[in-house]
Protein backbone atom coordinates (compact mmCIF):
# COMPACT_ATOMS: atom_id res chain seq x y z
CA MET A 1 8.68 44.15 -37.10
CA VAL A 2 8.48 41.65 -34.27
CA TYR A 3 8.50 43.16 -30.82
CA ARG A 4 11.69 42.79 -28.82
CA PRO A 5 10.89 42.95 -25.11
CA PRO A 6 12.23 45.78 -22.97
CA ARG A 7 15.38 45.05 -21.07
CA PRO A 8 16.83 46.21 -17.80
CA ASN A 9 20.22 47.88 -17.96
CA PRO A 10 22.24 45.91 -18.96
CA PRO A 11 20.15 43.34 -20.84
CA THR A 12 19.53 39.85 -19.57
CA PHE A 13 19.70 37.44 -22.47
CA CYS A 14 17.65 34.24 -22.69
CA TYR A 15 19.67 31.48 -24.23
CA GLY A 16 18.81 28.48 -26.41
CA SER A 17 15.16 27.50 -25.92
CA GLY A 18 15.64 24.40 -28.03
CA MET A 19 12.15 24.77 -29.56
CA ARG A 20 11.86 23.34 -33.06
CA LEU A 21 8.87 24.41 -35.10
CA PRO A 22 7.56 22.35 -38.00
CA ILE A 23 8.55 23.73 -41.39
CA VAL A 24 5.05 24.72 -42.45
CA VAL A 25 3.27 28.01 -42.90
CA LEU A 26 2.01 29.08 -39.48
CA CYS A 27 -1.76 29.62 -39.63
CA LEU A 28 -3.58 31.11 -36.65
CA PRO A 29 -7.23 31.66 -37.60
CA ALA A 30 -8.28 31.61 -33.95
CA LEU A 31 -6.69 35.04 -33.59
CA GLY A 32 -9.15 36.66 -35.96
CA TRP A 33 -10.16 39.12 -33.23
CA ALA A 34 -6.84 40.91 -33.59
CA GLN A 35 -7.94 43.55 -36.08
CA PRO A 36 -7.25 47.29 -36.31
CA ALA A 37 -10.99 47.99 -36.13
CA ASP A 38 -11.04 46.54 -32.61
CA VAL A 39 -8.89 49.44 -31.38
CA ARG A 40 -10.56 52.80 -30.76
CA THR A 41 -8.45 55.94 -30.51
CA GLU A 42 -8.96 59.47 -29.32
CA THR A 43 -6.63 62.37 -28.56
CA LEU A 44 -7.52 64.45 -25.51
CA GLN A 45 -7.48 68.24 -25.67
CA ASN A 46 -4.17 68.26 -23.79
CA GLY A 47 -2.52 66.06 -26.45
CA MET A 48 -2.56 62.65 -24.73
CA LYS A 49 -3.48 59.88 -27.18
CA ILE A 50 -5.64 57.05 -25.83
CA LEU A 51 -5.88 53.58 -27.44
CA VAL A 52 -8.66 51.26 -26.22
CA GLN A 53 -9.29 47.63 -27.10
CA GLU A 54 -12.23 45.85 -25.49
CA ASP A 55 -11.71 42.23 -24.45
CA HIS A 56 -14.36 40.74 -22.18
CA ASN A 57 -12.90 37.24 -21.84
CA ILE A 58 -11.73 37.90 -18.29
CA PRO A 59 -12.78 40.69 -15.86
CA ASN A 60 -9.33 42.32 -15.86
CA VAL A 61 -7.70 45.39 -17.40
CA ALA A 62 -4.17 46.23 -18.56
CA MET A 63 -3.38 49.96 -18.70
CA TYR A 64 -0.02 51.17 -20.03
CA PHE A 65 1.36 54.72 -20.22
CA PHE A 66 4.13 55.25 -22.79
CA PHE A 67 6.05 58.48 -22.20
CA ARG A 68 8.39 59.47 -25.03
CA ILE A 69 11.27 60.19 -22.68
CA GLY A 70 14.38 58.09 -22.18
CA SER A 71 18.13 58.36 -21.93
CA ARG A 72 18.36 59.79 -25.47
CA ASN A 73 16.59 62.91 -24.10
CA GLU A 74 19.23 63.48 -21.42
CA HIS A 75 22.58 65.23 -21.69
CA PRO A 76 25.95 65.02 -19.94
CA GLY A 77 25.35 65.92 -16.32
CA THR A 78 21.78 64.59 -16.21
CA THR A 79 22.20 61.03 -17.47
CA GLY A 80 19.99 58.51 -15.69
CA LEU A 81 17.13 60.92 -14.93
CA SER A 82 14.51 59.01 -16.92
CA HIS A 83 15.34 55.83 -15.05
CA PHE A 84 15.26 57.79 -11.78
CA PHE A 85 11.66 58.83 -12.46
CA GLU A 86 10.75 55.22 -13.09
CA HIS A 87 11.32 54.95 -9.32
CA MET A 88 10.06 58.37 -8.22
CA MET A 89 6.62 57.95 -9.83
CA PHE A 90 5.75 55.43 -7.09
CA ASN A 91 6.70 57.70 -4.19
CA GLY A 92 3.71 59.91 -3.69
CA ALA A 93 1.87 62.87 -5.15
CA LYS A 94 -0.65 65.46 -3.97
CA LYS A 95 -3.72 63.24 -3.41
CA TYR A 96 -2.12 59.84 -2.91
CA GLY A 97 0.88 60.16 -0.59
CA PRO A 98 4.11 58.16 -0.25
CA LYS A 99 3.73 54.47 -1.16
CA GLN A 100 -0.05 54.89 -1.57
CA PHE A 101 0.05 54.00 -5.26
CA ASP A 102 1.25 50.48 -4.45
CA ILE A 103 -0.90 50.18 -1.33
CA GLN A 104 -4.13 51.16 -3.07
CA MET A 105 -3.28 49.03 -6.09
CA GLU A 106 -2.72 45.93 -3.96
CA LYS A 107 -5.84 46.57 -1.84
CA ASN A 108 -7.85 46.49 -5.03
CA GLY A 109 -6.29 43.30 -6.35
CA GLY A 110 -3.94 44.88 -8.86
CA ASN A 111 -0.26 44.97 -9.67
CA ASN A 112 2.08 47.38 -11.43
CA ASN A 113 5.56 47.85 -12.81
CA ALA A 114 7.59 50.15 -15.06
CA TYR A 115 10.54 50.05 -17.42
CA THR A 116 12.92 52.57 -18.97
CA THR A 117 14.72 52.36 -22.30
CA GLU A 118 16.86 54.70 -24.36
CA ASP A 119 13.67 56.15 -25.89
CA THR A 120 10.74 55.63 -23.53
CA THR A 121 9.59 55.28 -19.95
CA VAL A 122 6.58 52.98 -19.59
CA TYR A 123 4.29 52.49 -16.59
CA THR A 124 2.19 49.33 -16.45
CA ASP A 125 -0.95 48.60 -14.43
CA TRP A 126 -2.92 45.32 -14.25
CA PHE A 127 -6.11 45.25 -12.17
CA PRO A 128 -9.71 43.96 -11.88
CA ARG A 129 -12.18 46.07 -13.86
CA PRO A 130 -13.92 47.66 -10.79
CA ALA A 131 -10.60 49.46 -10.03
CA LEU A 132 -10.53 51.33 -13.36
CA GLU A 133 -11.69 54.70 -12.00
CA LEU A 134 -9.31 54.50 -9.04
CA MET A 135 -6.41 53.75 -11.36
CA MET A 136 -7.26 56.70 -13.62
CA ASP A 137 -7.38 58.94 -10.56
CA MET A 138 -4.04 57.70 -9.20
CA GLU A 139 -2.30 57.95 -12.56
CA ALA A 140 -3.57 61.49 -13.07
CA ASP A 141 -2.40 62.43 -9.59
CA ARG A 142 1.18 61.38 -10.15
CA ILE A 143 1.38 62.76 -13.70
CA ARG A 144 0.06 66.15 -12.59
CA ASP A 145 1.32 66.55 -9.01
CA LEU A 146 4.29 64.24 -8.35
CA SER A 147 5.94 65.00 -5.03
CA PHE A 148 9.54 66.23 -4.98
CA ASP A 149 10.09 65.79 -1.27
CA PRO A 150 13.88 66.20 -0.72
CA LYS A 151 14.07 63.23 1.65
CA MET A 152 12.35 60.97 -0.87
CA VAL A 153 14.58 62.25 -3.67
CA GLU A 154 17.71 61.39 -1.70
CA SER A 155 16.32 58.02 -0.72
CA GLU A 156 15.61 57.10 -4.35
CA ARG A 157 18.97 58.49 -5.46
CA GLY A 158 20.53 55.94 -3.13
CA VAL A 159 18.31 53.16 -4.47
CA VAL A 160 19.29 53.98 -8.08
CA TYR A 161 22.98 54.12 -7.18
CA SER A 162 22.67 50.72 -5.47
CA GLU A 163 20.98 49.35 -8.58
CA ARG A 164 23.85 50.62 -10.69
CA ARG A 165 26.42 48.96 -8.44
CA LEU A 166 24.51 45.68 -8.66
CA SER A 167 23.70 45.63 -12.40
CA VAL A 168 26.82 47.34 -13.77
CA ASP A 169 29.74 47.86 -11.42
CA ASN A 170 29.49 44.38 -9.86
CA SER A 171 28.32 42.61 -13.00
CA ASN A 172 30.88 41.38 -15.50
CA PHE A 173 28.33 41.41 -18.28
CA GLY A 174 26.96 44.78 -17.17
CA VAL A 175 30.26 46.61 -17.23
CA LEU A 176 31.16 45.08 -20.60
CA PHE A 177 27.82 46.06 -22.12
CA GLU A 178 28.23 49.64 -20.87
CA GLN A 179 31.71 49.90 -22.35
CA LEU A 180 30.46 48.50 -25.66
CA GLY A 181 27.79 51.20 -25.98
CA ALA A 182 30.19 53.96 -25.01
CA ALA A 183 32.63 52.84 -27.71
CA ALA A 184 30.09 52.10 -30.47
CA PHE A 185 28.43 55.54 -30.21
CA VAL A 186 30.66 58.60 -30.23
CA ALA A 187 28.10 61.37 -30.86
CA HIS A 188 24.54 60.15 -30.37
CA PRO A 189 22.98 60.02 -26.85
CA TYR A 190 22.83 56.21 -27.08
CA HIS A 191 26.48 56.60 -26.00
CA TRP A 192 25.53 56.77 -22.30
CA PRO A 193 23.78 54.09 -20.23
CA VAL A 194 20.08 54.21 -19.36
CA ILE A 195 20.92 53.94 -15.68
CA GLY A 196 23.28 56.95 -15.90
CA TRP A 197 26.94 57.65 -15.15
CA PRO A 198 27.88 57.49 -11.43
CA SER A 199 28.91 61.15 -11.13
CA ASP A 200 25.63 62.28 -12.70
CA ILE A 201 23.55 60.18 -10.31
CA GLU A 202 25.42 61.79 -7.43
CA SER A 203 24.94 65.37 -8.65
CA TRP A 204 21.39 65.76 -10.08
CA THR A 205 19.88 68.98 -8.73
CA MET A 206 16.24 69.68 -7.86
CA ASP A 207 16.06 71.98 -10.90
CA ASP A 208 17.34 69.12 -13.10
CA LEU A 209 14.60 66.86 -11.75
CA LYS A 210 11.74 69.32 -12.16
CA THR A 211 12.80 70.37 -15.66
CA HIS A 212 13.10 66.78 -16.85
CA PHE A 213 9.77 65.79 -15.30
CA ARG A 214 7.90 68.78 -16.71
CA MET A 215 8.94 68.13 -20.32
CA GLY A 216 8.97 64.34 -20.24
CA TYR A 217 5.89 63.38 -18.26
CA ALA A 218 3.43 65.80 -19.82
CA PRO A 219 0.20 64.41 -21.32
CA ASN A 220 1.11 65.57 -24.83
CA ASN A 221 4.26 63.41 -24.57
CA CYS A 222 2.28 60.27 -23.71
CA VAL A 223 0.35 57.44 -25.36
CA ALA A 224 -2.01 55.60 -23.00
CA VAL A 225 -3.25 52.09 -23.88
CA VAL A 226 -6.17 50.32 -22.18
CA VAL A 227 -6.99 46.69 -23.03
CA GLY A 228 -9.47 44.48 -21.24
CA ASP A 229 -12.96 44.26 -19.75
CA VAL A 230 -13.93 47.88 -20.43
CA SER A 231 -16.00 49.85 -22.89
CA ASN A 232 -14.52 52.57 -25.03
CA ALA A 233 -17.11 55.05 -23.75
CA GLU A 234 -16.25 54.23 -20.12
CA VAL A 235 -12.50 54.66 -20.66
CA MET A 236 -12.85 57.91 -22.60
CA GLY A 237 -15.27 59.32 -20.03
CA LEU A 238 -12.83 58.64 -17.19
CA ALA A 239 -9.88 59.89 -19.24
CA LYS A 240 -11.65 63.19 -19.87
CA LYS A 241 -12.53 63.46 -16.18
CA TYR A 242 -9.10 62.67 -14.73
CA LEU A 243 -6.44 62.98 -17.44
CA GLU A 244 -7.66 65.73 -19.76
CA PRO A 245 -7.42 68.55 -17.13
CA ILE A 246 -3.65 67.96 -16.81
CA PRO A 247 -1.99 70.86 -18.69
CA ARG A 248 0.23 70.18 -21.68
CA GLN A 249 3.90 71.23 -21.58
CA GLU A 250 6.68 71.95 -24.03
CA PRO A 251 7.89 68.52 -25.21
CA PRO A 252 11.53 67.37 -25.06
CA PRO A 253 13.68 69.11 -27.66
CA PRO A 254 14.24 66.99 -30.78
CA VAL A 255 17.40 64.89 -30.81
CA ARG A 256 19.33 66.43 -33.68
CA THR A 257 22.64 64.60 -33.33
CA LYS A 258 23.12 61.77 -35.80
CA GLU A 259 25.76 59.12 -35.25
CA PRO A 260 28.42 59.47 -37.98
CA GLU A 261 29.23 56.47 -40.12
CA GLN A 262 31.77 54.18 -38.47
CA LEU A 263 34.91 53.97 -40.59
CA GLY A 264 36.71 51.03 -39.03
CA GLU A 265 36.48 48.25 -36.48
CA LYS A 266 36.71 49.31 -32.82
CA ARG A 267 37.84 47.12 -29.94
CA VAL A 268 37.43 47.50 -26.20
CA VAL A 269 39.08 45.26 -23.62
CA VAL A 270 37.88 45.03 -20.03
CA ARG A 271 40.09 43.23 -17.52
CA LYS A 272 38.12 42.18 -14.48
CA ARG A 273 37.82 39.37 -11.99
CA ALA A 274 35.76 36.67 -13.73
CA GLN A 275 35.65 32.94 -14.29
CA LEU A 276 35.27 32.99 -18.08
CA PRO A 277 35.69 35.44 -20.96
CA ILE A 278 32.71 37.23 -22.48
CA GLU A 279 32.64 38.85 -25.90
CA LEU A 280 30.08 41.24 -27.38
CA VAL A 281 30.14 42.01 -31.10
CA ALA A 282 27.95 44.94 -32.20
CA TYR A 283 26.97 46.19 -35.65
CA HIS A 284 25.23 49.50 -36.38
CA VAL A 285 21.74 48.92 -37.83
CA PRO A 286 18.83 51.21 -38.71
CA GLU A 287 16.03 52.45 -36.45
CA THR A 288 13.03 50.22 -35.78
CA LYS A 289 10.64 51.74 -38.33
CA ASN A 290 13.17 51.32 -41.16
CA ALA A 291 12.18 48.95 -43.97
CA ASP A 292 15.15 46.71 -43.10
CA ASP A 293 13.70 45.90 -39.68
CA ALA A 294 11.89 42.75 -40.84
CA PRO A 295 14.83 41.30 -42.84
CA LEU A 296 17.05 41.90 -39.80
CA ASP A 297 14.52 40.06 -37.61
CA VAL A 298 14.67 37.05 -39.92
CA LEU A 299 18.49 37.22 -40.06
CA GLU A 300 18.77 37.37 -36.28
CA THR A 301 16.31 34.50 -35.83
CA LEU A 302 17.97 32.05 -38.20
CA LEU A 303 21.35 32.77 -36.58
CA VAL A 304 20.47 32.36 -32.89
CA HIS A 305 16.86 31.29 -32.25
CA GLY A 306 16.88 27.79 -30.75
CA GLN A 307 19.28 24.87 -30.80
CA SER A 308 18.88 24.31 -34.52
CA SER A 309 19.97 27.88 -35.33
CA ARG A 310 23.23 28.35 -37.23
CA LEU A 311 25.32 29.85 -34.45
CA TYR A 312 24.01 27.60 -31.68
CA ASN A 313 24.45 24.51 -33.86
CA ARG A 314 28.07 25.34 -34.70
CA LEU A 315 29.48 27.21 -31.71
CA VAL A 316 27.66 25.36 -28.90
CA ASP A 317 26.85 21.87 -30.21
CA LYS A 318 29.40 20.91 -32.84
CA GLU A 319 32.59 22.78 -31.95
CA GLN A 320 31.78 23.43 -28.27
CA LEU A 321 33.49 26.82 -28.31
CA VAL A 322 30.94 28.67 -26.17
CA LEU A 323 28.48 27.90 -23.42
CA ASN A 324 25.86 30.05 -25.07
CA VAL A 325 25.40 32.44 -27.95
CA ASN A 326 22.72 35.00 -28.58
CA ALA A 327 21.86 38.18 -30.44
CA PHE A 328 19.94 41.22 -29.29
CA ARG A 329 18.47 44.26 -31.01
CA GLN A 330 16.58 46.87 -29.01
CA ASN A 331 13.62 48.80 -30.40
CA ALA A 332 15.00 52.25 -31.17
CA LEU A 333 13.80 55.61 -32.51
CA ASP A 334 17.26 56.22 -33.99
CA PRO A 335 19.78 53.82 -35.57
CA GLY A 336 20.95 51.31 -32.96
CA LEU A 337 22.93 48.09 -32.62
CA LEU A 338 22.62 44.41 -33.39
CA ILE A 339 24.70 42.71 -30.68
CA PHE A 340 26.03 39.15 -30.63
CA SER A 341 26.92 37.72 -27.22
CA LEU A 342 29.47 34.91 -26.85
CA SER A 343 30.41 33.22 -23.55
CA SER A 344 33.49 31.09 -24.15
CA ARG A 345 33.95 27.68 -22.56
CA SER A 346 36.74 27.16 -20.09
CA GLY A 347 40.09 26.96 -21.88
CA VAL A 348 38.75 28.40 -25.15
CA GLU A 349 40.24 31.71 -26.26
CA PRO A 350 37.61 34.29 -27.30
CA ALA A 351 39.39 34.67 -30.64
CA ARG A 352 38.37 31.14 -31.65
CA ALA A 353 34.67 31.76 -31.04
CA GLU A 354 34.96 35.16 -32.71
CA LYS A 355 36.51 33.56 -35.82
CA ALA A 356 33.68 31.03 -36.05
CA LEU A 357 31.10 33.83 -35.69
CA PHE A 358 32.69 35.82 -38.51
CA GLU A 359 32.80 32.74 -40.73
CA GLU A 360 29.08 32.21 -40.22
CA LEU A 361 28.37 35.84 -41.03
CA ASP A 362 30.51 35.52 -44.18
CA ARG A 363 28.48 32.46 -45.14
CA LEU A 364 25.28 34.44 -44.69
CA ARG A 365 26.60 37.24 -46.88
CA ASN A 366 27.82 34.91 -49.65
CA GLU A 367 25.36 32.00 -49.75
CA PRO A 368 21.57 32.32 -50.23
CA VAL A 369 19.47 31.09 -47.30
CA SER A 370 17.41 28.00 -48.12
CA GLU A 371 13.63 28.20 -48.32
CA GLN A 372 13.42 25.72 -45.43
CA GLU A 373 15.48 27.97 -43.15
CA MET A 374 13.48 31.02 -44.21
CA ARG A 375 10.22 29.23 -43.42
CA LYS A 376 11.47 28.08 -40.02
CA ALA A 377 12.64 31.58 -39.04
CA LYS A 378 9.36 33.17 -40.08
CA ASN A 379 7.38 30.53 -38.15
CA GLN A 380 9.44 31.21 -35.04
CA LEU A 381 8.94 34.97 -35.31
CA LEU A 382 5.20 34.62 -35.87
CA ALA A 383 4.85 32.20 -32.96
CA ASP A 384 6.63 34.65 -30.65
CA HIS A 385 4.47 37.49 -31.95
CA TYR A 386 1.15 35.71 -31.44
CA ARG A 387 2.15 34.52 -27.98
CA GLN A 388 2.50 38.19 -27.05
CA LEU A 389 -0.96 38.91 -28.45
CA LYS A 390 -2.64 36.17 -26.38
CA THR A 391 -2.76 38.26 -23.18
CA ILE A 392 -4.27 41.67 -22.47
CA ALA A 393 -0.94 42.81 -21.01
CA GLY A 394 0.97 41.64 -24.07
CA ARG A 395 -1.48 43.40 -26.37
CA ALA A 396 -1.39 46.64 -24.38
CA ASN A 397 2.39 46.67 -24.56
CA LEU A 398 2.48 45.83 -28.27
CA LEU A 399 -0.06 48.52 -29.17
CA GLY A 400 2.05 51.13 -27.39
CA VAL A 401 5.30 49.85 -28.90
CA TYR A 402 3.94 50.00 -32.44
CA GLU A 403 2.40 53.42 -31.94
CA VAL A 404 5.65 54.87 -30.55
CA TYR A 405 8.37 53.04 -32.50
CA TYR A 406 6.63 52.32 -35.80
CA GLY A 407 4.52 55.48 -35.77
CA ASP A 408 1.19 53.64 -36.12
CA TYR A 409 -0.35 50.96 -33.91
CA ARG A 410 -2.11 49.49 -36.99
CA LYS A 411 1.21 48.09 -38.21
CA LEU A 412 0.88 45.57 -35.38
CA PHE A 413 -1.79 43.84 -37.46
CA THR A 414 0.33 43.54 -40.61
CA VAL A 415 3.27 41.66 -39.10
CA GLU A 416 2.45 38.38 -40.85
CA GLN A 417 2.26 40.02 -44.28
CA THR A 418 5.46 41.97 -43.65
CA LEU A 419 7.40 38.86 -42.63
CA GLU A 420 6.03 36.81 -45.51
CA ALA A 421 7.33 39.47 -47.92
CA VAL A 422 10.93 39.03 -46.70
CA THR A 423 13.01 37.05 -49.19
CA ALA A 424 16.32 35.22 -48.93
CA ALA A 425 17.78 37.99 -51.10
CA ASP A 426 16.64 40.57 -48.53
CA VAL A 427 18.44 38.70 -45.75
CA GLN A 428 21.60 38.44 -47.80
CA ARG A 429 21.39 42.13 -48.72
CA VAL A 430 21.15 43.36 -45.10
CA ALA A 431 23.95 40.98 -44.07
CA ARG A 432 26.19 42.48 -46.75
CA GLN A 433 25.19 46.02 -45.86
CA TYR A 434 25.47 45.97 -42.08
CA LEU A 435 27.47 42.93 -40.91
CA VAL A 436 30.80 44.18 -42.20
CA GLU A 437 34.12 44.71 -40.47
CA LYS A 438 34.26 48.50 -40.53
CA ASN A 439 30.76 48.71 -39.02
CA ARG A 440 31.46 46.62 -35.93
CA THR A 441 32.58 47.24 -32.36
CA ILE A 442 33.91 44.38 -30.24
CA ALA A 443 34.09 44.38 -26.44
CA THR A 444 35.95 41.55 -24.71
CA LEU A 445 36.10 40.78 -21.01
CA ILE A 446 39.38 39.08 -20.07
CA PRO A 447 39.30 37.29 -16.69
CA GLU A 448 41.85 38.56 -14.24
CA SER A 449 43.04 36.93 -11.05
CA PRO A 450 42.42 38.71 -7.70
CA ALA A 451 46.18 39.20 -7.33
CA ALA A 452 46.52 40.87 -10.73
CA GLU A 453 43.43 43.02 -10.05
CA GLY A 454 44.90 44.21 -6.76
CA SER A 455 48.28 45.07 -8.29
CA ARG A 456 46.89 47.64 -10.74
C-alpha cells in the first residue's frame, strides 16, 4: 500500500540508494497530525469530490486535480489523447488566454505541473495562500472552457510527437519498455503506451479531442485535493463559487476488457544501436487495491531496495553481472505488471544475469524470509511513506492516489498497520503465485553495430 510515484513514459528508474536502515521497529510519533479526522470532504452538486487538509506551518498551498482518465480510456486510433491534454490544459481557455495560466501562476509566486498515467491525468499547483482564489478561478476556466484553437492543437501535436521521439524512438530503454507492454498485454488497454502510437498522434481529429475532453475532464470525473494554509470553509466557499457551476458530463465508459491469463512465457527481442544490453522481466500482478498489494511491496523492497537488497547484493556487488538492477510496479486500477530491470555489464551476456535473477526468485519461493529481512523491508517502506507525508505537496498527492486507486483516502492512514500485518508466509505465497515462468514476459535489447543496423 505504499505509494509508487508517477512516471513519465517510459519510466526512469532510480538505482541503488545504498541506504541501510537499522533493524528496529520504525516509530514516528511526531507525525501524529496525520489522522483521517484532519481531512474534510465534500462532494459538489456537479459530482466533483473535494478533500481539504489544513496545515498552517507554512503560508503555502498544494492543490491537485485527479481526473480519472488515462490511456486505459482510449482506443485504437485515439491512443495518447490523455497525455496530449496534459499539454493542452496549459494553452488557454475563455477567460485566461494562451500561456496565461503559467504567466499568472508565476506572477503570484506559484508553480505547476502535470502527469499522465494509464489510469489518471493529474494537475498540480503549488502557490502562496493569497493566490488561492485566483487558482480556483483559473482551474475552473480551463476545466469548463478549454480552447481548441486549431493552431494551438497542431503546435501541441508537434510537441507531443517530439516528446515521443525523444523518450521512446531515440531511447533504448524507452523502445524496449514499449515493446514489453505491447507483448505482455494482448487484450487490455494497458497494451498501448501512455504517450500513444505514432500514427494515432498524427491523425487525431478535432472531434476526437472534444469527445475525449468532454468525458474525461468533467467535474464528476475528478477528485480535487487542497492541503496547506487554508480553512475548510474558505476552500469550499471558493469551490462552490468557481467549480460547482461547471456542468457534469457522461463519464468515460467502463473498461470491460479483462486481460486473459497468460499461459506461457513470452519473449521479445529488440535489436538496436546501443552500448550495452538491457533486459526487462515482467510478471502479471493484481490491481493496486488488491489485498496482495502490501505483500508485493515487501517482496519488491527486499529484492531491490538499497545495496543490501538480495538482487543488488548478488548481481551488482558479488557477481558483478549488471551495472544496476531494479524493480517497478505502477499504481493501477486493473491488474498490471511487476517489472525487473537488468543492465548487463560489458562482456556479460544477458542470459547470465537472467539466470541469477531466476535463482533468487526461486529462493524466495522456496525459503522463508528471515524476520530480520522482513523488519528491514518494512522499515524502508515506512520511511519512504512518511517522507512523502512530510510535505504539503506529498500529502496532497497521496490523498488523491489513495482516494482514486484504493477507493478511500482514509487507507492512507492505515499503511503502518497494513505493512505490519504482512508475514514471511505472505511474501512466499505471492512469490509462488505470481513470479512463475508461465506468467512472465521478457524483453531484451541486443546492441547492434551501426553497420548491421544500416544493412537491415
